[in-house]
Protein backbone atom coordinates (compact mmCIF):
# COMPACT_ATOMS: atom_id res chain seq x y z
CA MET A 1 189.42 129.57 -90.58
CA LYS A 2 191.38 126.87 -90.23
CA ARG A 3 191.95 128.34 -87.19
CA LEU A 4 188.74 128.21 -85.83
CA VAL A 5 187.85 124.31 -87.32
CA ALA A 6 190.36 123.68 -85.14
CA VAL A 7 189.60 125.96 -82.31
CA ALA A 8 186.09 124.13 -82.42
CA LEU A 9 187.38 120.92 -82.41
CA LEU A 10 189.59 121.44 -79.19
CA ILE A 11 186.24 122.88 -77.16
CA ILE A 12 184.84 119.23 -78.56
CA LEU A 13 187.59 117.32 -77.68
CA SER A 14 187.13 119.10 -74.75
CA GLY A 15 183.55 118.30 -73.53
CA ALA A 16 183.90 114.94 -74.85
CA LEU A 17 186.60 114.84 -72.33
CA LEU A 18 184.85 116.23 -69.38
CA PHE A 19 181.85 113.75 -69.98
CA LEU A 20 183.53 110.87 -69.27
CA VAL A 21 185.67 111.96 -66.34
CA VAL A 22 182.58 113.14 -64.72
CA ARG A 23 179.81 110.88 -65.67
CA PRO A 24 178.75 108.17 -63.24
CA ALA A 25 178.66 104.30 -63.65
CA GLN A 26 174.98 102.67 -63.71
CA PRO A 27 175.26 99.64 -62.96
CA ALA A 28 171.79 97.54 -63.46
CA PRO A 29 170.52 95.12 -60.86
CA VAL A 30 170.42 91.34 -61.64
CA ALA A 31 166.65 91.43 -60.45
CA PRO A 32 163.81 93.80 -59.56
CA VAL A 33 164.49 93.12 -55.63
CA ILE A 34 167.14 91.41 -54.09
CA VAL A 35 167.65 92.12 -50.03
CA MET A 36 170.86 91.58 -48.58
CA PRO A 37 171.46 89.72 -44.54
CA LEU A 38 172.04 91.89 -41.72
CA PRO A 39 174.28 93.45 -40.86
CA TYR A 40 174.17 95.99 -43.85
CA SER A 41 176.10 98.92 -44.35
CA ILE A 42 175.53 101.09 -48.25
CA PRO A 43 178.75 101.02 -49.73
CA ARG A 44 180.41 104.59 -50.08
CA GLN A 45 179.89 105.47 -53.81
CA LYS A 46 182.77 106.61 -55.92
CA VAL A 47 183.89 110.16 -56.18
CA SER A 48 184.37 111.20 -60.76
CA LEU A 49 187.62 112.80 -61.27
CA PHE A 50 186.14 115.74 -61.95
CA ASP A 51 184.88 116.29 -58.83
CA LEU A 52 188.16 115.01 -56.67
CA TRP A 53 190.40 118.26 -59.11
CA VAL A 54 187.85 120.92 -59.24
CA PRO A 55 187.85 123.02 -55.88
CA ARG A 56 184.15 123.92 -54.98
CA GLN A 57 185.50 127.83 -55.24
CA ARG A 58 183.88 130.69 -56.45
CA SER A 59 186.82 131.05 -58.54
CA TRP A 60 185.84 127.24 -59.93
CA ASN A 61 182.15 128.21 -60.83
CA TRP A 62 182.87 128.82 -64.50
CA LEU A 63 183.82 125.01 -64.79
CA TRP A 64 181.45 123.44 -62.36
CA HIS A 65 178.45 125.31 -64.58
CA MET A 66 180.23 124.08 -67.80
CA LYS A 67 180.07 120.15 -66.27
CA ASP A 68 176.40 120.86 -65.37
CA THR A 69 175.43 122.15 -68.62
CA ILE A 70 177.23 119.24 -70.48
CA VAL A 71 176.26 116.09 -68.23
CA GLY A 72 173.33 117.75 -66.48
CA ARG A 73 172.13 118.43 -63.02
CA PRO A 74 171.69 115.11 -60.61
CA ARG A 75 167.40 114.52 -60.69
CA VAL A 76 165.72 115.30 -57.58
CA CYS A 77 164.10 112.42 -55.66
CA ASP A 78 161.49 112.08 -53.00
CA LEU A 79 160.94 108.97 -50.19
CA ARG A 80 157.57 109.22 -48.56
CA ALA A 81 157.24 106.37 -46.24
CA THR A 82 154.29 105.07 -44.68
CA VAL A 83 155.45 102.64 -41.33
CA VAL A 84 152.31 100.51 -39.78
CA ASP A 85 150.95 97.98 -37.51
CA PHE A 86 148.58 95.58 -38.10
CA SER A 87 147.36 94.98 -35.03
CA GLY A 88 145.87 91.28 -36.32
CA SER A 89 148.05 88.62 -38.31
CA GLY A 90 148.09 91.09 -41.40
CA GLU A 91 146.19 88.39 -43.54
CA SER A 92 142.50 89.58 -42.99
CA PHE A 93 143.83 93.02 -44.64
CA LEU A 94 145.35 91.51 -47.54
CA THR A 95 142.07 89.07 -47.74
CA ASN A 96 140.18 92.14 -47.63
CA HIS A 97 142.11 94.66 -50.27
CA PRO A 98 143.88 92.20 -52.07
CA LEU A 99 147.13 92.70 -54.20
CA PRO A 100 148.80 91.23 -57.17
CA ALA A 101 151.43 88.13 -56.95
CA PRO A 102 154.42 89.98 -54.95
CA ALA A 103 157.74 90.45 -55.99
CA PHE A 104 159.48 88.81 -53.34
CA THR A 105 158.73 86.20 -50.62
CA ASP A 106 161.05 83.97 -48.54
CA ALA A 107 160.97 81.38 -46.23
CA LYS A 108 159.95 83.79 -43.03
CA ARG A 109 157.21 85.08 -44.93
CA LEU A 110 159.16 88.39 -45.80
CA ARG A 111 157.21 89.77 -48.98
CA ILE A 112 157.67 92.77 -51.19
CA TRP A 113 155.22 94.31 -53.92
CA LEU A 114 155.82 96.40 -56.65
CA LEU A 115 153.13 98.81 -57.16
CA SER A 116 151.18 101.14 -59.52
CA ASP A 117 151.20 104.40 -58.97
CA ASP A 118 146.85 103.93 -58.73
CA GLU A 119 147.64 100.70 -56.68
CA MET A 120 149.77 102.55 -54.27
CA ARG A 121 147.21 105.15 -53.62
CA ALA A 122 144.32 103.37 -52.69
CA LEU A 123 146.92 100.59 -50.88
CA GLY A 124 148.15 104.30 -48.66
CA ARG A 125 144.10 104.94 -48.16
CA ASP A 126 143.03 101.76 -46.73
CA LEU A 127 146.24 101.53 -44.61
CA ARG A 128 145.04 105.38 -42.87
CA GLN A 129 141.65 103.98 -43.24
CA GLU A 130 141.33 100.72 -41.96
CA SER A 131 140.13 99.98 -38.41
CA GLY A 132 142.69 97.08 -37.77
CA THR A 133 146.07 99.25 -39.24
CA GLU A 134 148.06 102.13 -36.88
CA VAL A 135 150.35 104.40 -38.92
CA LEU A 136 153.45 104.42 -36.76
CA PHE A 137 155.24 107.08 -39.14
CA MET A 138 154.83 109.06 -42.26
CA PRO A 139 158.37 110.69 -42.90
CA GLY A 140 159.53 111.91 -46.44
CA ILE A 141 162.95 112.66 -47.34
CA THR A 142 164.23 114.79 -50.09
CA THR A 143 167.56 114.02 -52.00
CA ALA A 144 169.10 113.89 -55.61
CA ASP A 145 170.32 111.05 -57.85
CA GLY A 146 173.50 109.06 -56.58
CA MET A 147 173.71 110.77 -52.96
CA GLN A 148 172.66 108.88 -50.15
CA ALA A 149 170.19 110.14 -47.24
CA GLN A 150 168.94 109.51 -43.61
CA LEU A 151 165.64 110.18 -42.38
CA SER A 152 164.96 109.29 -38.64
CA ALA A 153 161.73 109.63 -36.25
CA GLY A 154 161.82 108.99 -32.86
CA ASN A 155 163.39 109.98 -29.49
CA THR A 156 166.57 108.82 -27.71
CA VAL A 157 166.50 106.73 -24.62
CA PRO A 158 169.41 105.28 -21.52
CA ILE A 159 169.83 102.35 -21.85
CA MET A 160 172.62 101.64 -18.86
CA GLY A 161 173.28 104.70 -18.61
CA VAL A 162 174.14 104.86 -22.68
CA PRO A 163 171.85 106.91 -25.38
CA THR A 164 170.09 104.57 -27.10
CA MET A 165 167.65 106.03 -30.89
CA ALA A 166 164.15 104.14 -30.36
CA GLY A 167 162.61 104.81 -33.32
CA LEU A 168 162.06 104.33 -37.12
CA VAL A 169 165.74 104.81 -38.75
CA ILE A 170 165.79 104.80 -42.87
CA ASN A 171 168.70 105.01 -45.16
CA PHE A 172 168.06 105.71 -48.49
CA LEU A 173 170.22 105.96 -52.34
CA ALA A 174 168.99 106.31 -55.34
CA HIS A 175 170.35 106.22 -58.74
CA VAL A 176 167.61 107.35 -61.54
CA ARG A 177 167.56 105.13 -65.12
CA PRO A 178 165.96 105.70 -67.45
CA ILE A 179 162.86 103.46 -66.91
CA ALA A 180 163.23 102.90 -63.28
CA THR A 181 164.52 103.71 -60.18
CA ASP A 182 167.18 101.71 -58.53
CA VAL A 183 167.09 102.53 -55.42
CA THR A 184 169.08 101.09 -52.12
CA THR A 185 167.42 100.97 -48.94
CA ILE A 186 168.41 99.64 -45.12
CA ILE A 187 164.81 99.93 -42.72
CA SER A 188 165.33 99.67 -38.70
CA LEU A 189 162.17 100.43 -36.40
CA THR A 190 163.09 99.74 -32.86
CA GLU A 191 160.96 100.70 -30.34
CA ALA A 192 162.07 100.58 -26.20
CA ILE A 193 161.00 98.05 -23.39
CA THR A 194 160.03 99.77 -20.30
CA ASN A 195 158.93 98.83 -17.05
CA GLN A 196 155.40 100.18 -17.60
CA PRO A 197 152.62 99.85 -19.44
CA SER A 198 152.25 102.72 -21.57
CA THR A 199 153.79 106.65 -21.85
CA THR A 200 153.19 109.71 -22.93
CA ALA A 201 153.75 109.99 -26.79
CA GLY A 202 156.53 112.39 -28.25
CA SER A 203 158.27 111.55 -24.34
CA ALA A 204 160.88 109.39 -23.78
CA PRO A 205 159.86 106.69 -21.75
CA ALA A 206 160.57 105.87 -17.92
CA GLY A 207 162.11 102.76 -16.79
CA VAL A 208 163.39 102.06 -19.71
CA LEU A 209 164.57 98.23 -19.48
CA GLY A 210 166.07 98.01 -23.12
CA VAL A 211 165.26 98.65 -27.46
CA GLN A 212 163.85 96.13 -29.05
CA THR A 213 163.66 95.62 -33.03
CA ASP A 214 160.55 95.88 -34.96
CA PHE A 215 161.71 95.48 -37.98
CA ALA A 216 164.89 95.76 -40.28
CA LEU A 217 165.59 94.99 -44.12
CA ALA A 218 168.22 95.67 -46.65
CA ALA A 219 166.91 95.51 -49.72
CA ARG A 220 167.94 96.82 -53.34
CA LEU A 221 164.47 97.66 -55.56
CA GLN A 222 165.21 98.68 -59.30
CA ILE A 223 161.11 100.55 -59.00
CA PRO A 224 160.21 101.32 -62.32
CA LYS A 225 158.72 104.92 -62.75
CA GLY A 226 155.63 105.58 -61.70
CA SER A 227 155.36 102.70 -58.72
CA GLY A 228 156.08 102.02 -55.27
CA VAL A 229 157.34 99.41 -53.09
CA PHE A 230 155.21 97.19 -50.09
CA LEU A 231 156.63 95.70 -47.48
CA LEU A 232 155.00 93.30 -45.34
CA GLN A 233 157.61 90.83 -42.82
CA GLY A 234 156.12 87.92 -41.74
CA GLU A 235 155.02 86.73 -38.72
CA PRO A 236 156.78 87.85 -35.17
CA ALA A 237 158.94 85.71 -33.29
CA ALA A 238 157.46 87.34 -30.20
CA ALA A 239 153.92 87.65 -28.80
CA ASN A 240 154.95 91.08 -27.88
CA GLN A 241 156.46 91.97 -30.97
CA LYS A 242 154.64 94.14 -33.46
CA ARG A 243 153.98 93.00 -37.51
CA ILE A 244 155.30 95.70 -39.30
CA GLY A 245 154.36 96.75 -42.72
CA VAL A 246 156.33 99.12 -45.05
CA LEU A 247 154.80 101.74 -48.21
CA LEU A 248 157.81 103.33 -49.73
CA ALA A 249 156.67 105.94 -52.31
CA VAL A 250 159.92 107.07 -54.76
CA THR A 251 159.80 110.08 -56.79
CA THR A 252 162.32 111.39 -59.33
CA SER A 253 161.52 114.97 -60.82
CA PRO A 254 164.20 117.45 -63.33
CA PRO A 255 166.58 119.70 -60.94
CA LYS A 256 165.53 122.76 -59.43
CA LYS A 257 167.00 125.88 -61.46
């Protein structure tokens, strides 16, 4: 009997030690919205001692299954973005479709709203249907809690013989909290500047002179569950630049079995 009790205690202690080794640190952001100066890179994520010590080999699968049983598998994170070009100033759109007070604004009139699920759906519908807006991209990506991901949409153009990406690039890292998702994102939207008035959609433009940045932002966002984010840049500095708005919907779900 004493031997069984000792074995049970050993198993419990081993499980507790394994939980302490593999659980990730979960620092809380100090504000709902933090905008970082550019250029910015998402810090490399710390790897647990368990991931460093235990090989990903079939013979070790039993230990990985034990880890998932004790700690749980990472939750699935879905990011859906709607990138919109406002042909006007954008202010007329906000007048016709009023939003609550932004969670963040700065001297350059960048504004960031944290919106409820109903507000996100209504805004997404209005952005797609409004005559003064043009949806440029609607990409999406699926990743997991604590795993950095990148999505891109566009094409590569030669600039002085060097292949250069022109289009949308979003870097994305999410940490799922009990009542919110802590999202770090870097969003960049560029376009090729050519000596021709127009090009065929989806093809690499001829006569490329350079790549112009229409939108660039790095931010850390604490998004309550059932909410999303709308980002609207200030008035463009140059007449040929677009005024861009980005609607980000982040949803989490239990891990797939």
